[in-house]
Amino acid sequence: MAKPTKYAPHICTAVTILALIGIVIGLVTGSTLWIVILLLPTAIYEAYRTEGRSTKASSALLVLVLILEIAFILFDVNFNIAQYLGTSQEYLAGYLVPLGEIKVVAPTLMVVLSVILFVRTRGVFTRWLAVTIFVTSFSIVYSIDPEIFSDLLKEAIQQGSRRL
């Protein structure tokens, strides 16, 4: 059964504005936590709006990863997944995800999940939310490490051009 859409445009606008405020405050202050926390309402609303089995799972995983990212930042968790797994990248749902510091891998995973949500959802509002999550996740990576952001952006462009 489709979710009601009466207030969806207003809610999507509000959570997008919150995410943009988070990006601005986070980049100006150098505090990634602002970006992550103000993205949370968008991710939660996305989880509410999605209905398909794979999209519901992707959106729920996205909320979980976002909450974990908050914990990683608050508790200053430093863990290099690439060193632990012995590889610098891994495929996830057909997308090559670069591995490294956990605080960067989490938003990178969120980028992939938002792409999955955008591709697999049919609703305009769920796609809107997926784009907001995509852009904000990239800003989280940039806030943590601009050099890794540049590498991730190049990889995303290369993968995107291969899929076209």
N, C-alpha and C. Protein backbone atom coordinates (compact mmCIF):
# COMPACT_ATOMS: atom_id res chain seq x y z
N MET A 1 0.83 -1.18 0.00
CA MET A 1 0.00 0.00 0.00
C MET A 1 0.88 1.25 0.00
N ALA A 2 0.60 2.17 -0.90
CA ALA A 2 1.40 3.38 -1.04
C ALA A 2 1.25 4.29 0.18
N LYS A 3 2.35 4.92 0.56
CA LYS A 3 2.33 5.86 1.66
C LYS A 3 1.62 7.14 1.21
N PRO A 4 0.96 7.84 2.13
CA PRO A 4 0.29 9.08 1.76
C PRO A 4 1.31 10.13 1.30
N THR A 5 0.91 10.94 0.35
CA THR A 5 1.82 11.94 -0.20
C THR A 5 1.40 13.38 0.08
N LYS A 6 0.32 13.55 0.84
CA LYS A 6 -0.21 14.90 1.07
C LYS A 6 0.86 15.85 1.62
N TYR A 7 1.59 15.40 2.63
CA TYR A 7 2.60 16.26 3.26
C TYR A 7 4.03 15.94 2.80
N ALA A 8 4.17 14.96 1.93
CA ALA A 8 5.51 14.53 1.49
C ALA A 8 6.35 15.65 0.89
N PRO A 9 5.79 16.51 0.02
CA PRO A 9 6.63 17.59 -0.52
C PRO A 9 7.18 18.51 0.58
N HIS A 10 6.34 18.80 1.58
CA HIS A 10 6.77 19.69 2.67
C HIS A 10 7.83 19.01 3.53
N ILE A 11 7.63 17.73 3.82
CA ILE A 11 8.59 16.99 4.64
C ILE A 11 9.91 16.84 3.89
N CYS A 12 9.84 16.49 2.60
CA CYS A 12 11.07 16.35 1.81
C CYS A 12 11.83 17.67 1.73
N THR A 13 11.10 18.76 1.56
CA THR A 13 11.74 20.07 1.53
C THR A 13 12.41 20.36 2.87
N ALA A 14 11.71 20.10 3.96
CA ALA A 14 12.25 20.38 5.30
C ALA A 14 13.51 19.56 5.58
N VAL A 15 13.47 18.25 5.29
CA VAL A 15 14.65 17.42 5.59
C VAL A 15 15.81 17.75 4.66
N THR A 16 15.50 18.16 3.43
CA THR A 16 16.57 18.58 2.51
C THR A 16 17.22 19.86 3.02
N ILE A 17 16.41 20.80 3.49
CA ILE A 17 16.95 22.04 4.05
C ILE A 17 17.80 21.73 5.28
N LEU A 18 17.34 20.83 6.14
CA LEU A 18 18.13 20.42 7.31
C LEU A 18 19.48 19.85 6.88
N ALA A 19 19.45 18.98 5.87
CA ALA A 19 20.70 18.37 5.37
C ALA A 19 21.64 19.45 4.83
N LEU A 20 21.09 20.41 4.08
CA LEU A 20 21.92 21.49 3.55
C LEU A 20 22.49 22.37 4.66
N ILE A 21 21.68 22.64 5.68
CA ILE A 21 22.18 23.39 6.84
C ILE A 21 23.32 22.61 7.51
N GLY A 22 23.15 21.30 7.63
CA GLY A 22 24.20 20.46 8.20
C GLY A 22 25.49 20.54 7.40
N ILE A 23 25.36 20.50 6.08
CA ILE A 23 26.55 20.60 5.21
C ILE A 23 27.25 21.93 5.44
N VAL A 24 26.49 23.01 5.41
CA VAL A 24 27.09 24.34 5.57
C VAL A 24 27.75 24.49 6.94
N ILE A 25 27.01 24.16 7.99
CA ILE A 25 27.58 24.29 9.34
C ILE A 25 28.78 23.36 9.50
N GLY A 26 28.67 22.13 9.01
CA GLY A 26 29.75 21.17 9.15
C GLY A 26 31.02 21.61 8.44
N LEU A 27 30.86 22.12 7.22
CA LEU A 27 32.05 22.55 6.46
C LEU A 27 32.63 23.84 7.01
N VAL A 28 31.79 24.75 7.46
CA VAL A 28 32.28 26.02 8.01
C VAL A 28 33.00 25.79 9.34
N THR A 29 32.43 24.94 10.19
CA THR A 29 33.02 24.71 11.52
C THR A 29 34.06 23.59 11.52
N GLY A 30 34.09 22.80 10.45
CA GLY A 30 35.01 21.66 10.41
C GLY A 30 34.52 20.50 11.26
N SER A 31 33.22 20.49 11.58
CA SER A 31 32.65 19.43 12.40
C SER A 31 31.72 18.55 11.56
N THR A 32 32.21 17.38 11.22
CA THR A 32 31.44 16.43 10.42
C THR A 32 30.17 15.99 11.13
N LEU A 33 30.19 16.00 12.44
CA LEU A 33 29.04 15.55 13.21
C LEU A 33 27.76 16.32 12.85
N TRP A 34 27.87 17.62 12.58
CA TRP A 34 26.70 18.40 12.17
C TRP A 34 26.07 17.83 10.90
N ILE A 35 26.91 17.51 9.95
CA ILE A 35 26.43 16.98 8.67
C ILE A 35 25.70 15.66 8.90
N VAL A 36 26.30 14.79 9.68
CA VAL A 36 25.75 13.46 9.91
C VAL A 36 24.42 13.54 10.68
N ILE A 37 24.40 14.31 11.74
CA ILE A 37 23.20 14.40 12.57
C ILE A 37 22.03 15.02 11.80
N LEU A 38 22.32 16.06 11.01
CA LEU A 38 21.23 16.72 10.29
C LEU A 38 20.81 15.95 9.03
N LEU A 39 21.54 14.90 8.69
CA LEU A 39 21.10 14.00 7.62
C LEU A 39 20.15 12.93 8.16
N LEU A 40 20.21 12.67 9.44
CA LEU A 40 19.41 11.60 10.05
C LEU A 40 17.91 11.71 9.76
N PRO A 41 17.28 12.89 9.86
CA PRO A 41 15.85 12.95 9.53
C PRO A 41 15.54 12.52 8.09
N THR A 42 16.41 12.86 7.16
CA THR A 42 16.22 12.45 5.77
C THR A 42 16.26 10.94 5.65
N ALA A 43 17.25 10.32 6.28
CA ALA A 43 17.39 8.86 6.21
C ALA A 43 16.21 8.16 6.86
N ILE A 44 15.75 8.69 7.97
CA ILE A 44 14.61 8.08 8.67
C ILE A 44 13.35 8.19 7.81
N TYR A 45 13.14 9.36 7.21
CA TYR A 45 11.96 9.52 6.35
C TYR A 45 12.06 8.64 5.11
N GLU A 46 13.25 8.47 4.59
CA GLU A 46 13.45 7.56 3.46
C GLU A 46 13.08 6.13 3.87
N ALA A 47 13.50 5.71 5.05
CA ALA A 47 13.17 4.37 5.54
C ALA A 47 11.66 4.21 5.70
N TYR A 48 10.99 5.25 6.12
CA TYR A 48 9.53 5.22 6.25
C TYR A 48 8.86 5.12 4.87
N ARG A 49 9.36 5.87 3.90
CA ARG A 49 8.70 5.95 2.59
C ARG A 49 8.92 4.72 1.72
N THR A 50 10.06 4.05 1.84
CA THR A 50 10.33 2.92 0.96
C THR A 50 9.41 1.76 1.28
N GLU A 51 9.07 1.00 0.23
CA GLU A 51 8.11 -0.08 0.41
C GLU A 51 8.58 -1.43 -0.11
N GLY A 52 9.40 -1.45 -1.13
CA GLY A 52 9.87 -2.72 -1.69
C GLY A 52 10.82 -3.42 -0.75
N ARG A 53 10.97 -4.71 -0.94
CA ARG A 53 11.83 -5.49 -0.05
C ARG A 53 13.28 -5.00 -0.08
N SER A 54 13.84 -4.85 -1.29
CA SER A 54 15.24 -4.43 -1.37
C SER A 54 15.42 -2.96 -0.97
N THR A 55 14.45 -2.12 -1.31
CA THR A 55 14.58 -0.71 -0.93
C THR A 55 14.37 -0.52 0.57
N LYS A 56 13.48 -1.26 1.15
CA LYS A 56 13.26 -1.19 2.60
C LYS A 56 14.55 -1.63 3.33
N ALA A 57 15.15 -2.72 2.83
CA ALA A 57 16.39 -3.21 3.43
C ALA A 57 17.52 -2.19 3.26
N SER A 58 17.63 -1.61 2.07
CA SER A 58 18.67 -0.61 1.81
C SER A 58 18.50 0.63 2.68
N SER A 59 17.27 1.08 2.82
CA SER A 59 17.04 2.29 3.62
C SER A 59 17.25 2.02 5.11
N ALA A 60 16.87 0.84 5.57
CA ALA A 60 17.11 0.49 6.98
C ALA A 60 18.62 0.38 7.24
N LEU A 61 19.35 -0.24 6.32
CA LEU A 61 20.80 -0.34 6.45
C LEU A 61 21.44 1.04 6.44
N LEU A 62 20.90 1.92 5.62
CA LEU A 62 21.42 3.28 5.55
C LEU A 62 21.26 4.00 6.89
N VAL A 63 20.11 3.86 7.52
CA VAL A 63 19.90 4.47 8.84
C VAL A 63 20.88 3.88 9.85
N LEU A 64 21.07 2.57 9.81
CA LEU A 64 22.01 1.91 10.73
C LEU A 64 23.43 2.43 10.52
N VAL A 65 23.86 2.52 9.27
CA VAL A 65 25.21 3.01 8.96
C VAL A 65 25.36 4.46 9.43
N LEU A 66 24.32 5.26 9.25
CA LEU A 66 24.36 6.65 9.69
C LEU A 66 24.50 6.74 11.22
N ILE A 67 23.77 5.92 11.92
CA ILE A 67 23.87 5.90 13.39
C ILE A 67 25.27 5.43 13.82
N LEU A 68 25.79 4.43 13.13
CA LEU A 68 27.15 3.97 13.43
C LEU A 68 28.17 5.08 13.16
N GLU A 69 27.96 5.83 12.09
CA GLU A 69 28.87 6.94 11.77
C GLU A 69 28.86 7.97 12.89
N ILE A 70 27.71 8.24 13.46
CA ILE A 70 27.63 9.16 14.60
C ILE A 70 28.48 8.62 15.76
N ALA A 71 28.36 7.33 16.04
CA ALA A 71 29.15 6.71 17.11
C ALA A 71 30.65 6.76 16.79
N PHE A 72 31.01 6.47 15.53
CA PHE A 72 32.43 6.51 15.14
C PHE A 72 33.01 7.90 15.37
N ILE A 73 32.24 8.93 15.05
CA ILE A 73 32.72 10.30 15.22
C ILE A 73 32.76 10.68 16.70
N LEU A 74 31.68 10.40 17.42
CA LEU A 74 31.61 10.77 18.84
C LEU A 74 32.71 10.11 19.67
N PHE A 75 32.96 8.83 19.38
CA PHE A 75 33.95 8.08 20.16
C PHE A 75 35.31 8.01 19.48
N ASP A 76 35.48 8.82 18.42
CA ASP A 76 36.74 8.92 17.68
C ASP A 76 37.32 7.54 17.36
N VAL A 77 36.49 6.70 16.76
CA VAL A 77 36.90 5.35 16.38
C VAL A 77 37.79 5.44 15.15
N ASN A 78 38.97 4.86 15.24
CA ASN A 78 39.90 4.79 14.13
C ASN A 78 40.19 3.34 13.83
N PHE A 79 39.71 2.89 12.68
CA PHE A 79 39.90 1.50 12.29
C PHE A 79 39.99 1.45 10.77
N ASN A 80 41.07 0.89 10.27
CA ASN A 80 41.28 0.82 8.83
C ASN A 80 40.80 -0.53 8.31
N ILE A 81 39.66 -0.54 7.64
CA ILE A 81 39.08 -1.78 7.13
C ILE A 81 39.95 -2.39 6.04
N ALA A 82 40.60 -1.55 5.24
CA ALA A 82 41.45 -2.05 4.15
C ALA A 82 42.61 -2.88 4.71
N GLN A 83 43.22 -2.39 5.77
CA GLN A 83 44.32 -3.16 6.38
C GLN A 83 43.80 -4.45 6.98
N TYR A 84 42.64 -4.39 7.62
CA TYR A 84 42.06 -5.57 8.26
C TYR A 84 41.70 -6.64 7.23
N LEU A 85 41.09 -6.23 6.12
CA LEU A 85 40.67 -7.19 5.09
C LEU A 85 41.77 -7.51 4.08
N GLY A 86 42.81 -6.69 4.06
CA GLY A 86 43.91 -6.93 3.14
C GLY A 86 43.57 -6.57 1.70
N THR A 87 42.62 -5.67 1.51
CA THR A 87 42.26 -5.21 0.17
C THR A 87 41.84 -3.75 0.25
N SER A 88 42.06 -3.01 -0.82
CA SER A 88 41.75 -1.58 -0.81
C SER A 88 40.36 -1.26 -1.34
N GLN A 89 39.68 -2.28 -1.89
CA GLN A 89 38.32 -2.05 -2.40
C GLN A 89 37.54 -3.35 -2.42
N GLU A 90 36.24 -3.20 -2.43
CA GLU A 90 35.35 -4.37 -2.40
C GLU A 90 34.09 -4.03 -3.17
N TYR A 91 33.50 -5.05 -3.81
CA TYR A 91 32.24 -4.83 -4.51
C TYR A 91 31.07 -4.98 -3.55
N LEU A 92 30.12 -4.06 -3.67
CA LEU A 92 28.90 -4.11 -2.88
C LEU A 92 27.75 -3.82 -3.84
N ALA A 93 26.89 -4.81 -4.03
CA ALA A 93 25.72 -4.68 -4.91
C ALA A 93 26.11 -4.19 -6.30
N GLY A 94 27.27 -4.67 -6.78
CA GLY A 94 27.72 -4.31 -8.12
C GLY A 94 28.48 -3.01 -8.20
N TYR A 95 28.73 -2.36 -7.07
CA TYR A 95 29.46 -1.10 -7.04
C TYR A 95 30.78 -1.29 -6.31
N LEU A 96 31.85 -0.76 -6.89
CA LEU A 96 33.16 -0.86 -6.29
C LEU A 96 33.28 0.20 -5.18
N VAL A 97 33.50 -0.26 -3.96
CA VAL A 97 33.58 0.63 -2.81
C VAL A 97 35.02 0.65 -2.30
N PRO A 98 35.66 1.82 -2.30
CA PRO A 98 37.02 1.90 -1.76
C PRO A 98 36.98 1.71 -0.24
N LEU A 99 37.95 0.97 0.26
CA LEU A 99 38.02 0.71 1.70
C LEU A 99 39.14 1.53 2.32
N GLY A 100 39.05 1.73 3.60
CA GLY A 100 40.05 2.50 4.33
C GLY A 100 39.54 2.75 5.73
N GLU A 101 39.71 3.98 6.19
CA GLU A 101 39.27 4.38 7.53
C GLU A 101 37.75 4.23 7.65
N ILE A 102 37.30 3.63 8.73
CA ILE A 102 35.88 3.31 8.94
C ILE A 102 35.00 4.55 8.84
N LYS A 103 35.49 5.71 9.30
CA LYS A 103 34.69 6.94 9.27
C LYS A 103 34.48 7.43 7.84
N VAL A 104 35.30 6.97 6.90
CA VAL A 104 35.13 7.32 5.48
C VAL A 104 34.37 6.22 4.76
N VAL A 105 34.57 4.99 5.15
CA VAL A 105 33.88 3.87 4.51
C VAL A 105 32.37 3.95 4.76
N ALA A 106 31.96 4.34 5.95
CA ALA A 106 30.53 4.42 6.27
C ALA A 106 29.79 5.38 5.33
N PRO A 107 30.24 6.63 5.14
CA PRO A 107 29.51 7.49 4.20
C PRO A 107 29.66 7.03 2.74
N THR A 108 30.77 6.36 2.43
CA THR A 108 30.92 5.80 1.08
C THR A 108 29.87 4.72 0.86
N LEU A 109 29.64 3.91 1.86
CA LEU A 109 28.58 2.90 1.81
C LEU A 109 27.22 3.58 1.67
N MET A 110 27.04 4.71 2.34
CA MET A 110 25.79 5.45 2.23
C MET A 110 25.59 5.98 0.81
N VAL A 111 26.67 6.38 0.15
CA VAL A 111 26.58 6.82 -1.25
C VAL A 111 26.04 5.67 -2.09
N VAL A 112 26.62 4.48 -1.92
CA VAL A 112 26.19 3.30 -2.69
C VAL A 112 24.73 2.98 -2.39
N LEU A 113 24.36 2.99 -1.13
CA LEU A 113 22.97 2.69 -0.76
C LEU A 113 22.00 3.72 -1.33
N SER A 114 22.40 4.98 -1.36
CA SER A 114 21.52 6.00 -1.93
C SER A 114 21.35 5.81 -3.44
N VAL A 115 22.40 5.35 -4.10
CA VAL A 115 22.30 5.05 -5.54
C VAL A 115 21.34 3.88 -5.75
N ILE A 116 21.49 2.86 -4.93
CA ILE A 116 20.58 1.70 -5.01
C ILE A 116 19.14 2.16 -4.81
N LEU A 117 18.92 3.00 -3.81
CA LEU A 117 17.57 3.51 -3.55
C LEU A 117 17.05 4.33 -4.73
N PHE A 118 17.90 5.17 -5.30
CA PHE A 118 17.45 5.99 -6.42
C PHE A 118 17.07 5.13 -7.62
N VAL A 119 17.88 4.13 -7.89
CA VAL A 119 17.66 3.27 -9.06
C VAL A 119 16.45 2.36 -8.87
N ARG A 120 16.26 1.86 -7.67
CA ARG A 120 15.22 0.85 -7.45
C ARG A 120 13.88 1.39 -6.98
N THR A 121 13.81 2.65 -6.62
CA THR A 121 12.52 3.18 -6.20
C THR A 121 11.83 3.85 -7.37
N ARG A 122 10.53 3.89 -7.29
CA ARG A 122 9.75 4.50 -8.36
C ARG A 122 9.18 5.87 -7.96
N GLY A 123 9.04 6.09 -6.68
CA GLY A 123 8.40 7.31 -6.20
C GLY A 123 9.29 8.53 -6.29
N VAL A 124 8.69 9.64 -6.63
CA VAL A 124 9.43 10.89 -6.76
C VAL A 124 10.01 11.33 -5.41
N PHE A 125 9.29 11.07 -4.33
CA PHE A 125 9.76 11.51 -3.01
C PHE A 125 10.91 10.65 -2.51
N THR A 126 10.85 9.35 -2.73
CA THR A 126 11.95 8.48 -2.31
C THR A 126 13.20 8.78 -3.14
N ARG A 127 13.01 9.12 -4.40
CA ARG A 127 14.17 9.50 -5.22
C ARG A 127 14.75 10.84 -4.75
N TRP A 128 13.88 11.76 -4.43
CA TRP A 128 14.31 13.06 -3.91
C TRP A 128 15.17 12.85 -2.67
N LEU A 129 14.69 12.03 -1.76
CA LEU A 129 15.42 11.75 -0.53
C LEU A 129 16.75 11.05 -0.82
N ALA A 130 16.75 10.13 -1.78
CA ALA A 130 17.98 9.42 -2.15
C ALA A 130 19.03 10.40 -2.67
N VAL A 131 18.62 11.38 -3.46
CA VAL A 131 19.56 12.38 -3.97
C VAL A 131 20.11 13.23 -2.82
N THR A 132 19.25 13.60 -1.90
CA THR A 132 19.70 14.37 -0.73
C THR A 132 20.73 13.57 0.07
N ILE A 133 20.47 12.30 0.26
CA ILE A 133 21.40 11.43 0.99
C ILE A 133 22.71 11.29 0.23
N PHE A 134 22.62 11.12 -1.09
CA PHE A 134 23.80 10.99 -1.95
C PHE A 134 24.72 12.21 -1.80
N VAL A 135 24.15 13.39 -2.00
CA VAL A 135 24.94 14.62 -1.94
C VAL A 135 25.52 14.83 -0.54
N THR A 136 24.72 14.60 0.46
CA THR A 136 25.18 14.81 1.84
C THR A 136 26.25 13.80 2.23
N SER A 137 26.12 12.57 1.77
CA SER A 137 27.14 11.55 2.06
C SER A 137 28.48 11.92 1.45
N PHE A 138 28.45 12.45 0.23
CA PHE A 138 29.70 12.93 -0.37
C PHE A 138 30.29 14.07 0.45
N SER A 139 29.44 14.95 0.98
CA SER A 139 29.96 16.05 1.79
C SER A 139 30.56 15.55 3.11
N ILE A 140 30.02 14.45 3.63
CA ILE A 140 30.60 13.85 4.84
C ILE A 140 32.02 13.38 4.54
N VAL A 141 32.17 12.68 3.42
CA VAL A 141 33.51 12.21 3.03
C VAL A 141 34.45 13.41 2.86
N TYR A 142 33.98 14.46 2.17
CA TYR A 142 34.81 15.65 1.97
C TYR A 142 35.21 16.27 3.31
N SER A 143 34.27 16.34 4.23
CA SER A 143 34.53 16.92 5.54
C SER A 143 35.60 16.14 6.30
N ILE A 144 35.59 14.82 6.14
CA ILE A 144 36.56 13.99 6.85
C ILE A 144 37.93 14.02 6.18
N ASP A 145 37.93 13.89 4.83
CA ASP A 145 39.20 13.83 4.11
C ASP A 145 39.00 14.26 2.66
N PRO A 146 39.33 15.52 2.33
CA PRO A 146 39.13 16.01 0.97
C PRO A 146 39.87 15.20 -0.10
N GLU A 147 41.01 14.63 0.24
CA GLU A 147 41.76 13.83 -0.74
C GLU A 147 41.01 12.55 -1.09
N ILE A 148 40.47 11.89 -0.09
CA ILE A 148 39.69 10.68 -0.34
C ILE A 148 38.41 11.04 -1.10
N PHE A 149 37.84 12.20 -0.80
CA PHE A 149 36.67 12.68 -1.53
C PHE A 149 36.98 12.76 -3.02
N SER A 150 38.13 13.32 -3.35
CA SER A 150 38.53 13.46 -4.75
C SER A 150 38.65 12.08 -5.41
N ASP A 151 39.27 11.13 -4.73
CA ASP A 151 39.39 9.78 -5.26
C ASP A 151 38.02 9.12 -5.44
N LEU A 152 37.15 9.30 -4.46
CA LEU A 152 35.81 8.71 -4.52
C LEU A 152 35.01 9.32 -5.66
N LEU A 153 35.12 10.62 -5.84
CA LEU A 153 34.40 11.30 -6.91
C LEU A 153 34.87 10.79 -8.28
N LYS A 154 36.18 10.64 -8.44
CA LYS A 154 36.71 10.10 -9.70
C LYS A 154 36.18 8.69 -9.95
N GLU A 155 36.18 7.86 -8.92
CA GLU A 155 35.68 6.48 -9.04
C GLU A 155 34.19 6.48 -9.39
N ALA A 156 33.42 7.35 -8.76
CA ALA A 156 31.98 7.42 -9.05
C ALA A 156 31.74 7.83 -10.50
N ILE A 157 32.51 8.78 -10.97
CA ILE A 157 32.37 9.23 -12.37
C ILE A 157 32.74 8.11 -13.33
N GLN A 158 33.83 7.39 -13.03
CA GLN A 158 34.24 6.27 -13.88
C GLN A 158 33.18 5.17 -13.89
N GLN A 159 32.67 4.80 -12.74
CA GLN A 159 31.64 3.76 -12.68
C GLN A 159 30.37 4.21 -13.36
N GLY A 160 30.01 5.47 -13.16
CA GLY A 160 28.81 6.00 -13.80
C GLY A 160 28.92 5.99 -15.31
N SER A 161 30.09 6.37 -15.83
CA SER A 161 30.27 6.39 -17.28
C SER A 161 30.28 4.97 -17.87
N ARG A 162 30.77 3.99 -17.09
CA ARG A 162 30.75 2.61 -17.57
C ARG A 162 29.32 2.05 -17.63
N ARG A 163 28.47 2.53 -16.75
CA ARG A 163 27.09 2.03 -16.70
C ARG A 163 26.18 2.69 -17.74
N LEU A 164 26.63 3.80 -18.30
CA LEU A 164 25.80 4.50 -19.31
C LEU A 164 25.80 3.83 -20.63
